[in-house]
Protein backbone atom coordinates (compact mmCIF):
# COMPACT_ATOMS: atom_id res chain seq x y z
CA UNK A 1 -153.47 -13.61 -5.74
CA UNK A 2 -152.13 -12.19 -2.50
CA UNK A 3 -154.59 -11.53 0.31
CA UNK A 4 -155.19 -7.75 0.63
CA UNK A 5 -153.88 -5.98 3.70
CA UNK A 6 -157.04 -3.85 3.86
CA UNK A 7 -160.50 -3.96 2.37
CA UNK A 8 -162.52 -0.79 1.86
CA UNK A 9 -166.27 -1.26 1.56
CA UNK A 10 -168.00 1.75 0.00
CA UNK A 11 -171.74 2.03 0.55
CA UNK A 12 -173.53 1.97 -2.78
CA UNK A 13 -177.02 2.29 -1.29
CA UNK A 14 -178.24 -0.68 -3.33
CA UNK A 15 -181.53 -2.26 -2.32
CA UNK A 16 -182.77 -5.78 -3.04
CA UNK A 17 -184.03 -4.76 -6.48
CA UNK A 18 -180.59 -3.38 -7.33
CA UNK A 19 -181.62 0.27 -7.44
CA UNK A 20 -179.37 2.75 -5.63
CA UNK A 21 -181.74 4.89 -3.59
CA UNK A 22 -180.04 6.08 -0.43
CA UNK A 23 -177.98 8.98 0.74
CA UNK A 24 -174.65 7.43 -0.24
CA UNK A 25 -175.58 6.95 -3.89
CA UNK A 26 -177.16 10.38 -4.11
CA UNK A 27 -174.14 11.88 -2.31
CA UNK A 28 -171.72 10.73 -5.00
CA UNK A 29 -170.19 7.61 -3.46
CA UNK A 30 -170.09 5.87 -6.84
CA UNK A 31 -168.32 8.77 -8.50
CA UNK A 32 -165.67 8.80 -5.77
CA UNK A 33 -164.80 5.11 -6.27
CA UNK A 34 -162.56 5.82 -9.24
CA UNK A 35 -160.77 8.61 -7.36
CA UNK A 36 -160.29 6.29 -4.36
CA UNK A 37 -158.77 3.54 -6.50
CA UNK A 38 -156.50 5.94 -8.40
CA UNK A 39 -155.24 7.56 -5.21
CA UNK A 40 -154.58 4.21 -3.53
CA UNK A 41 -152.43 3.25 -6.53
CA UNK A 42 -150.67 6.65 -6.53
CA UNK A 43 -149.80 6.12 -2.85
CA UNK A 44 -148.43 2.64 -3.57
CA UNK A 45 -151.26 0.97 -1.64
CA UNK A 46 -151.74 -1.75 -4.23
CA UNK A 47 -152.64 -4.34 -1.61
CA UNK A 48 -155.91 -2.60 -0.67
CA UNK A 49 -159.12 -4.06 -2.12
CA UNK A 50 -162.11 -1.80 -2.78
CA UNK A 51 -165.70 -2.97 -3.16
CA UNK A 52 -169.08 -1.28 -3.48
CA UNK A 53 -171.73 -2.71 -1.13
CA UNK A 54 -175.42 -2.64 -0.52
CA UNK A 55 -176.75 -0.23 2.10
CA UNK A 56 -174.56 -0.04 5.23
CA UNK A 57 -177.50 1.45 7.17
CA UNK A 58 -175.79 4.65 8.31
CA UNK A 59 -177.78 6.87 5.96
CA UNK A 60 -177.77 9.81 8.36
CA UNK A 61 -173.98 9.93 8.01
CA UNK A 62 -173.55 8.99 4.36
CA UNK A 63 -171.80 8.69 2.04
CA UNK A 64 -170.09 6.08 4.17
CA UNK A 65 -167.34 3.50 3.93
CA UNK A 66 -165.72 0.90 6.17
CA UNK A 67 -162.05 -0.12 6.35
CA UNK A 68 -161.22 -3.69 7.37
CA UNK A 69 -159.60 -5.34 9.23
CA UNK A 70 -159.50 -2.21 11.42
CA UNK A 71 -163.31 -1.89 11.44
CA UNK A 72 -163.06 1.87 10.94
CA UNK A 73 -166.37 3.40 9.88
CA UNK A 74 -166.23 6.75 8.11
CA UNK A 75 -169.11 9.05 7.25
CA UNK A 76 -169.69 12.15 5.15
CA UNK A 77 -167.17 10.89 2.57
CA UNK A 78 -168.45 13.22 -0.13
CA UNK A 79 -165.31 14.83 -1.52
CA UNK A 80 -161.80 14.11 -2.71
CA UNK A 81 -160.52 15.69 0.53
CA UNK A 82 -162.48 13.13 2.54
CA UNK A 83 -161.04 10.27 0.46
CA UNK A 84 -157.56 11.73 1.00
CA UNK A 85 -158.18 11.66 4.76
CA UNK A 86 -159.15 7.97 4.59
CA UNK A 87 -156.01 7.14 2.61
CA UNK A 88 -153.91 9.10 5.09
CA UNK A 89 -155.54 7.03 7.86
CA UNK A 90 -154.32 3.85 6.19
CA UNK A 91 -150.81 5.22 5.86
CA UNK A 92 -150.63 6.49 9.45
CA UNK A 93 -152.51 3.63 11.09
CA UNK A 94 -154.99 5.92 12.87
CA UNK A 95 -158.50 6.83 11.70
CA UNK A 96 -159.28 10.36 10.53
CA UNK A 97 -161.25 11.68 13.50
CA UNK A 98 -163.22 14.24 11.50
CA UNK A 99 -164.88 11.46 9.46
CA UNK A 100 -165.07 8.65 12.03
CA UNK A 101 -168.46 7.21 12.85
CA UNK A 102 -168.59 6.25 16.53
């Protein structure tokens, strides 16, 4: 297996007991995972790994995700348009300002 060029961590709001309780889960982060993976493939970004995480502790800005190795934090990722902006960020090499968490 080749090492991925990027890793996207999507907040799943999971707590220690495994129950999704936070803003990200309730905001549809899980439902957007499939769209994210399909769009990455459609854009030829097959070397990007995607994983769902426990709570990223930015609930006031969720749903949230992080892109590594850039360490870009994005918030309010609650639509296909927001996912498209994240993918465009990967392609351009600059984070989508409208979703960036400072």
